[in-house]
Every structure is written in C-alpha cells, then in structure tokens.
Amino acid sequence: MKALFSVVLHDVAPATWPLYADFAARAAALGVPLTLLVVPDYHGQGTFDRDPRFCAAIERELARGGEAVLHGYFHADELPCRGLADFVRRRILTHEGEFAAISESEAQARLERGLALFSCLGWPVEGFVAPGWLLGEGAWRALAGFPLRYTSSPRRVYGRAGEGWCPIDAPSLVWSARSGWRRLASQAVNERWLRRSANRSWLRLGLHPVDMRHERSRRFWERAMRALLAERTPCTKGEALRRLAPLQQGGDGGVLVAQQPQAAGHAVGAL
C-alpha cells in the first residue's frame, strides 16, 4: 500500500477560517482532502452554528471529501496549574490545553455539547482531538464513553480497539510561528522531519491559524503538501485509519497492538 499523508487544520472556527480559506482553496485544487479540527465555541465567542457562511464553507470541504473533527469546546485553559511540570506543559508549551485538567464530568458535558452541534448540522464526526493534544485522566475516562473512533497525540493516532486504543505511528509536523526565531527553528526542524519520515506509513501536516499569517510558514506548508503528493496518497485521518485497519494485527508500518494509553498525570501531548 502506498504511504499516506493527512493535512490537518487545527483551531478551525469562524474567527480563524478567513486565515485558512486561501490555503484550503489551494489544497482543493490539488485534490487534497482536509481534516478540519473544529472548535464549537472558540474562546467563548459564540458557537459556530450561528455563522452561516462558516458552516457553508465547512460543508463545501466535507463535500470535497474532507472530514470535520471535534476539537475541544472552548479551546481555552483557565484552570490553575499544579506544580512546575504542569505549568510548563500548560503555560509554556501551550496555553490552551482545555482538556488537560478538567474533571471527568466537565469533559463529558463539553463532549456532549460539541457533538450535539455537529449532529444538528448533520456533520458526521469520527474523531476528537484535544487542544494542545493534552488529555488528562478525567478527560480520558469521559472520552471512553463516546462512540468516537480515534483521538491523537503529536506522534500517534489512537484508534478505538474494543475497550482500549490502538496507537498508530503517525508523526505530525507542526510549527511554532509566534516569533521570527521560532519560525526559523521550526523550518529547520520540520524540513529535517520530512527527510527522516520517508519510511513512515502515515505522516500528518498539522497547521495552525498563526502559520497562515507568515509567508515563511505558509510557503513551507504548501511546498510540503506538493512534495508529499508526489510520493504519498492524501487522505483524511478517518480514511487513513480505515486503510490501516487491516494492518493493525500484523504490526506493519508502525502499527502497534491494542492497549490503553497512559492517563493519570500524563497528557497525550507529552507522548
């Protein structure tokens, strides 16, 4: 089977879609379906179903073969940190790890509300990705109670396997574009990752809205997409899981045996 790649747009919301629109059009022209990580109520600005133009844009992407994924609910982390390690994880590495420290009951409520919005619009949803890839113990327990097929971390996608999860090797390239030196470092790191990932069965490109504000990061993502298109099959995350499912028992292409991910004290983003 030809190796796969997925283009994943993070933090998709009415406030951020204008930044992504041009890139989305370029991906459509190349025949690359997008995986859209949609935030129901981005930073408390109002639920996305109140914006008809945004909903129409997402539905166009779905009609082109794209996929909408539930991405937190508010995409904001307002709970206090507990200790230095927690501070580094939730304030230095990211400051929007919404599901890192919330209780099981609160995680369940936010998942229910987010999925209800998708359902009201008739949008199919197979996956949930926590903001910052940070899932705390309570959020893991809550997630187990929903019929979602997968979640993910920076290096793996976790497909549902009975009562556990099957971690599939699928590294995600991601930029830190908030300052000039970060963009320079990100370009070097990600170009190295592209060179080293030729033997990976599945590779993800993880774009963020801030990437679209800077020419260096915009151009990198478009070049990477075109380069991977020459070597790999583009597909959404849900489609990649379906294609890789027959390999899960054999361990081919980095697919591992079913297991339960670590939860207590270990957010997925740390893996």
Protein backbone atom coordinates (compact mmCIF):
# COMPACT_ATOMS: atom_id res chain seq x y z
CA MET A 1 0.00 0.00 0.00
CA LYS A 2 1.24 3.47 -0.88
CA ALA A 3 2.21 5.60 2.11
CA LEU A 4 -0.36 8.14 3.32
CA PHE A 5 -0.41 11.75 4.44
CA SER A 6 -3.08 13.90 6.02
CA VAL A 7 -3.35 17.68 6.03
CA VAL A 8 -4.89 18.74 9.35
CA LEU A 9 -6.11 22.28 10.05
CA HIS A 10 -6.23 22.98 13.79
CA ASP A 11 -8.42 25.51 15.63
CA VAL A 12 -10.99 25.85 12.85
CA ALA A 13 -13.68 28.37 13.82
CA PRO A 14 -15.49 31.38 12.35
CA ALA A 15 -12.74 33.65 13.71
CA THR A 16 -9.91 31.64 12.12
CA TRP A 17 -11.39 30.38 8.85
CA PRO A 18 -10.56 33.57 6.88
CA LEU A 19 -6.89 32.81 7.55
CA TYR A 20 -7.26 29.29 6.17
CA ALA A 21 -9.51 29.99 3.18
CA ASP A 22 -6.76 30.57 0.62
CA PHE A 23 -4.78 27.50 1.70
CA ALA A 24 -7.96 25.41 1.62
CA ALA A 25 -8.60 26.52 -1.96
CA ARG A 26 -5.05 25.54 -2.95
CA ALA A 27 -5.48 22.13 -1.33
CA ALA A 28 -8.78 21.64 -3.17
CA ALA A 29 -7.10 22.50 -6.49
CA LEU A 30 -4.54 19.76 -5.81
CA GLY A 31 -7.19 17.24 -4.81
CA VAL A 32 -6.04 17.08 -1.18
CA PRO A 33 -8.89 16.49 1.31
CA LEU A 34 -8.59 18.36 4.58
CA THR A 35 -9.11 17.17 8.14
CA LEU A 36 -10.70 20.12 9.94
CA LEU A 37 -10.37 20.31 13.73
CA VAL A 38 -13.46 22.39 14.51
CA VAL A 39 -13.85 24.23 17.83
CA PRO A 40 -17.54 24.56 18.82
CA ASP A 41 -17.28 27.85 20.77
CA TYR A 42 -13.83 29.26 20.12
CA HIS A 43 -12.69 31.29 23.15
CA GLY A 44 -16.31 31.79 24.12
CA GLN A 45 -17.02 33.93 21.05
CA GLY A 46 -20.22 32.05 20.20
CA THR A 47 -21.00 28.64 18.75
CA PHE A 48 -20.11 28.12 15.11
CA ASP A 49 -23.67 27.23 14.10
CA ARG A 50 -24.53 30.93 14.40
CA ASP A 51 -22.34 31.74 11.40
CA PRO A 52 -23.99 30.53 8.15
CA ARG A 53 -21.02 31.47 5.97
CA PHE A 54 -18.64 29.47 8.12
CA CYS A 55 -20.96 26.46 8.14
CA ALA A 56 -21.30 26.68 4.36
CA ALA A 57 -17.50 26.76 3.98
CA ILE A 58 -17.08 23.66 6.14
CA GLU A 59 -19.82 21.85 4.24
CA ARG A 60 -18.02 22.61 0.97
CA GLU A 61 -14.90 20.98 2.40
CA LEU A 62 -16.91 17.95 3.51
CA ALA A 63 -18.41 17.66 0.02
CA ARG A 64 -14.86 17.61 -1.38
CA GLY A 65 -14.02 14.60 0.77
CA GLY A 66 -12.85 16.43 3.87
CA GLU A 67 -13.53 15.48 7.48
CA ALA A 68 -14.71 17.52 10.47
CA VAL A 69 -13.26 16.54 13.86
CA LEU A 70 -14.37 17.77 17.29
CA HIS A 71 -11.54 19.89 18.73
CA GLY A 72 -12.26 20.71 22.35
CA TYR A 73 -15.15 23.04 23.07
CA PHE A 74 -13.79 26.48 24.03
CA HIS A 75 -10.09 25.88 23.22
CA ALA A 76 -9.13 27.74 26.40
CA ASP A 77 -7.49 26.50 29.61
CA GLU A 78 -8.42 28.67 32.58
CA LEU A 79 -7.83 26.25 35.48
CA PRO A 80 -4.83 26.84 37.79
CA CYS A 81 -1.66 24.82 37.27
CA ARG A 82 -0.39 22.32 39.83
CA GLY A 83 3.37 22.43 40.15
CA LEU A 84 6.22 23.34 37.82
CA ALA A 85 5.79 20.44 35.38
CA ASP A 86 2.11 21.23 34.94
CA PHE A 87 2.94 24.92 34.44
CA VAL A 88 5.48 24.12 31.72
CA ARG A 89 3.08 21.75 29.98
CA ARG A 90 0.03 24.03 30.13
CA ARG A 91 1.51 27.53 30.01
CA ILE A 92 4.88 27.31 28.24
CA LEU A 93 4.34 24.57 25.66
CA THR A 94 0.72 25.62 25.17
CA HIS A 95 -1.74 27.86 26.96
CA GLU A 96 -4.93 26.40 25.50
CA GLY A 97 -4.89 22.81 26.83
CA GLU A 98 -8.60 22.85 27.64
CA PHE A 99 -8.93 19.13 28.41
CA ALA A 100 -5.67 18.80 30.38
CA ALA A 101 -7.07 19.38 33.86
CA ILE A 102 -10.88 19.42 33.72
CA SER A 103 -12.90 16.81 35.60
CA GLU A 104 -14.49 13.77 34.01
CA SER A 105 -17.98 15.24 34.39
CA GLU A 106 -16.98 18.57 32.82
CA ALA A 107 -15.19 16.79 29.96
CA GLN A 108 -18.29 14.67 29.39
CA ALA A 109 -20.52 17.76 29.31
CA ARG A 110 -18.30 19.55 26.79
CA LEU A 111 -18.05 16.48 24.57
CA GLU A 112 -21.83 16.11 24.61
CA ARG A 113 -22.40 19.75 23.73
CA GLY A 114 -19.85 19.69 20.94
CA LEU A 115 -21.18 16.50 19.40
CA ALA A 116 -24.72 17.88 19.59
CA LEU A 117 -23.69 20.84 17.44
CA PHE A 118 -22.21 18.54 14.82
CA SER A 119 -25.33 16.38 14.91
CA CYS A 120 -27.70 19.32 14.47
CA LEU A 121 -25.90 20.27 11.26
CA GLY A 122 -25.71 16.70 10.02
CA TRP A 123 -21.91 16.65 10.12
CA PRO A 124 -20.50 13.15 10.65
CA VAL A 125 -17.78 13.01 13.29
CA GLU A 126 -15.39 10.14 13.95
CA GLY A 127 -12.65 11.75 15.97
CA PHE A 128 -11.85 14.03 18.88
CA VAL A 129 -8.56 15.90 19.26
CA ALA A 130 -7.91 17.77 22.49
CA PRO A 131 -6.50 21.31 22.21
CA GLY A 132 -2.74 21.15 22.57
CA TRP A 133 -3.08 17.34 22.32
CA LEU A 134 -3.46 17.40 26.12
CA LEU A 135 -5.86 14.86 27.61
CA GLY A 136 -5.90 14.50 31.39
CA GLU A 137 -7.10 11.50 33.36
CA GLY A 138 -10.68 12.74 33.72
CA ALA A 139 -10.93 13.58 30.04
CA TRP A 140 -9.66 10.12 29.06
CA ARG A 141 -12.35 8.49 31.18
CA ALA A 142 -15.02 10.73 29.68
CA LEU A 143 -13.84 10.05 26.12
CA ALA A 144 -14.22 6.30 26.64
CA GLY A 145 -17.98 6.76 26.99
CA PHE A 146 -18.49 8.18 23.49
CA PRO A 147 -18.61 6.26 20.18
CA LEU A 148 -15.67 8.14 18.68
CA ARG A 149 -13.20 6.16 16.59
CA TYR A 150 -9.99 8.00 17.38
CA THR A 151 -8.02 10.67 19.15
CA SER A 152 -4.40 11.69 18.66
CA SER A 153 -1.12 12.99 20.05
CA PRO A 154 1.78 14.70 18.25
CA ARG A 155 3.31 11.37 17.28
CA ARG A 156 0.44 8.88 17.26
CA VAL A 157 -3.20 8.45 16.34
CA TYR A 158 -5.14 6.28 18.80
CA GLY A 159 -7.81 4.19 17.09
CA ARG A 160 -10.56 2.58 19.13
CA ALA A 161 -9.87 -1.11 19.76
CA GLY A 162 -12.64 -2.62 21.87
CA GLU A 163 -12.32 -1.10 25.34
CA GLY A 164 -8.81 0.15 24.63
CA TRP A 165 -6.94 2.10 21.99
CA CYS A 166 -4.56 1.07 19.24
CA PRO A 167 -1.68 3.57 18.88
CA ILE A 168 -0.63 4.03 15.27
CA ASP A 169 2.63 5.72 14.42
CA ALA A 170 1.68 8.92 12.56
CA PRO A 171 4.03 11.80 13.40
CA SER A 172 2.70 15.30 12.92
CA LEU A 173 4.80 18.14 11.59
CA VAL A 174 3.91 21.34 13.43
CA TRP A 175 5.30 24.87 13.53
CA SER A 176 5.76 27.38 16.32
CA ALA A 177 5.26 30.59 14.36
CA ARG A 178 4.73 33.19 17.08
CA SER A 179 8.12 34.88 16.59
CA GLY A 180 10.83 35.15 13.96
CA TRP A 181 13.33 32.90 15.72
CA ARG A 182 10.64 30.28 16.33
CA ARG A 183 9.76 30.28 12.63
CA LEU A 184 13.40 29.83 11.64
CA ALA A 185 13.80 26.96 14.09
CA SER A 186 10.51 25.39 13.03
CA GLN A 187 11.50 25.41 9.38
CA ALA A 188 14.78 23.64 10.13
CA VAL A 189 13.14 21.05 12.40
CA ASN A 190 10.28 20.31 10.03
CA GLU A 191 12.47 20.03 6.94
CA ARG A 192 14.58 17.53 8.85
CA TRP A 193 11.44 15.62 9.86
CA LEU A 194 10.31 15.45 6.24
CA ARG A 195 13.64 13.95 5.20
CA ARG A 196 13.60 11.44 8.06
CA SER A 197 9.99 10.35 7.57
CA ALA A 198 10.28 8.78 4.14
CA ASN A 199 9.75 5.29 5.60
CA ARG A 200 6.72 6.22 7.72
CA SER A 201 3.45 4.72 6.55
CA TRP A 202 1.45 7.78 7.63
CA LEU A 203 2.53 11.39 8.07
CA ARG A 204 0.44 14.36 9.23
CA LEU A 205 0.84 18.04 8.48
CA GLY A 206 -0.54 19.98 11.46
CA LEU A 207 -1.32 23.58 10.50
CA HIS A 208 -2.43 26.35 12.88
CA PRO A 209 -4.05 29.70 12.09
CA VAL A 210 -0.95 31.68 13.07
CA ASP A 211 1.01 29.79 10.38
CA MET A 212 -1.13 31.49 7.74
CA ARG A 213 -0.07 34.94 8.95
CA HIS A 214 3.57 34.48 7.93
CA GLU A 215 4.95 33.89 4.46
CA ARG A 216 7.72 31.54 5.62
CA SER A 217 5.32 29.08 7.25
CA ARG A 218 2.64 29.41 4.54
CA ARG A 219 5.14 28.62 1.81
CA PHE A 220 6.59 25.71 3.75
CA TRP A 221 3.21 24.04 4.17
CA GLU A 222 2.34 24.41 0.51
CA ARG A 223 5.73 23.03 -0.58
CA ALA A 224 5.40 20.13 1.84
CA MET A 225 1.91 19.32 0.60
CA ARG A 226 3.05 19.30 -3.03
CA ALA A 227 6.15 17.23 -2.24
CA LEU A 228 4.20 14.61 -0.30
CA LEU A 229 1.54 14.46 -3.00
CA ALA A 230 4.18 13.20 -5.42
CA GLU A 231 5.05 10.30 -3.09
CA ARG A 232 2.02 9.56 -0.93
CA THR A 233 -1.75 9.25 -1.08
CA PRO A 234 -3.59 12.18 0.55
CA CYS A 235 -6.47 11.27 2.85
CA THR A 236 -8.27 12.40 5.98
CA LYS A 237 -7.41 10.92 9.35
CA GLY A 238 -10.57 8.85 9.42
CA GLU A 239 -9.86 7.43 5.97
CA ALA A 240 -6.26 6.66 6.92
CA LEU A 241 -7.49 4.61 9.88
CA ARG A 242 -9.78 2.62 7.61
CA ARG A 243 -6.93 1.90 5.23
CA LEU A 244 -4.56 0.90 8.01
CA ALA A 245 -7.08 -1.21 9.96
CA PRO A 246 -6.17 -4.48 8.17
CA LEU A 247 -2.55 -3.95 9.24
CA GLN A 248 -3.25 -3.47 12.94
CA GLN A 249 -2.91 -7.15 13.79
CA GLY A 250 0.31 -7.56 11.85
CA GLY A 251 2.23 -4.57 13.14
CA ASP A 252 3.17 -3.40 9.64
CA GLY A 253 4.06 0.24 9.05
CA GLY A 254 4.47 1.11 12.69
CA VAL A 255 1.01 -0.11 13.75
CA LEU A 256 1.12 -1.40 17.31
CA VAL A 257 -1.04 -3.78 19.33
CA ALA A 258 -4.16 -2.54 21.09
CA GLN A 259 -3.56 -1.03 24.50
CA GLN A 260 -4.90 1.62 26.87
CA PRO A 261 -2.92 4.89 26.71
CA GLN A 262 -1.44 6.32 29.88
CA ALA A 263 -3.79 8.69 31.62
CA ALA A 264 -3.12 9.63 35.23
CA GLY A 265 -0.75 12.54 35.30
CA HIS A 266 0.24 12.11 31.66
CA ALA A 267 -1.44 14.16 28.98
CA VAL A 268 -1.35 12.79 25.48
CA GLY A 269 0.62 15.80 24.29
CA ALA A 270 3.58 14.64 26.34
CA LEU A 271 3.88 11.38 24.43
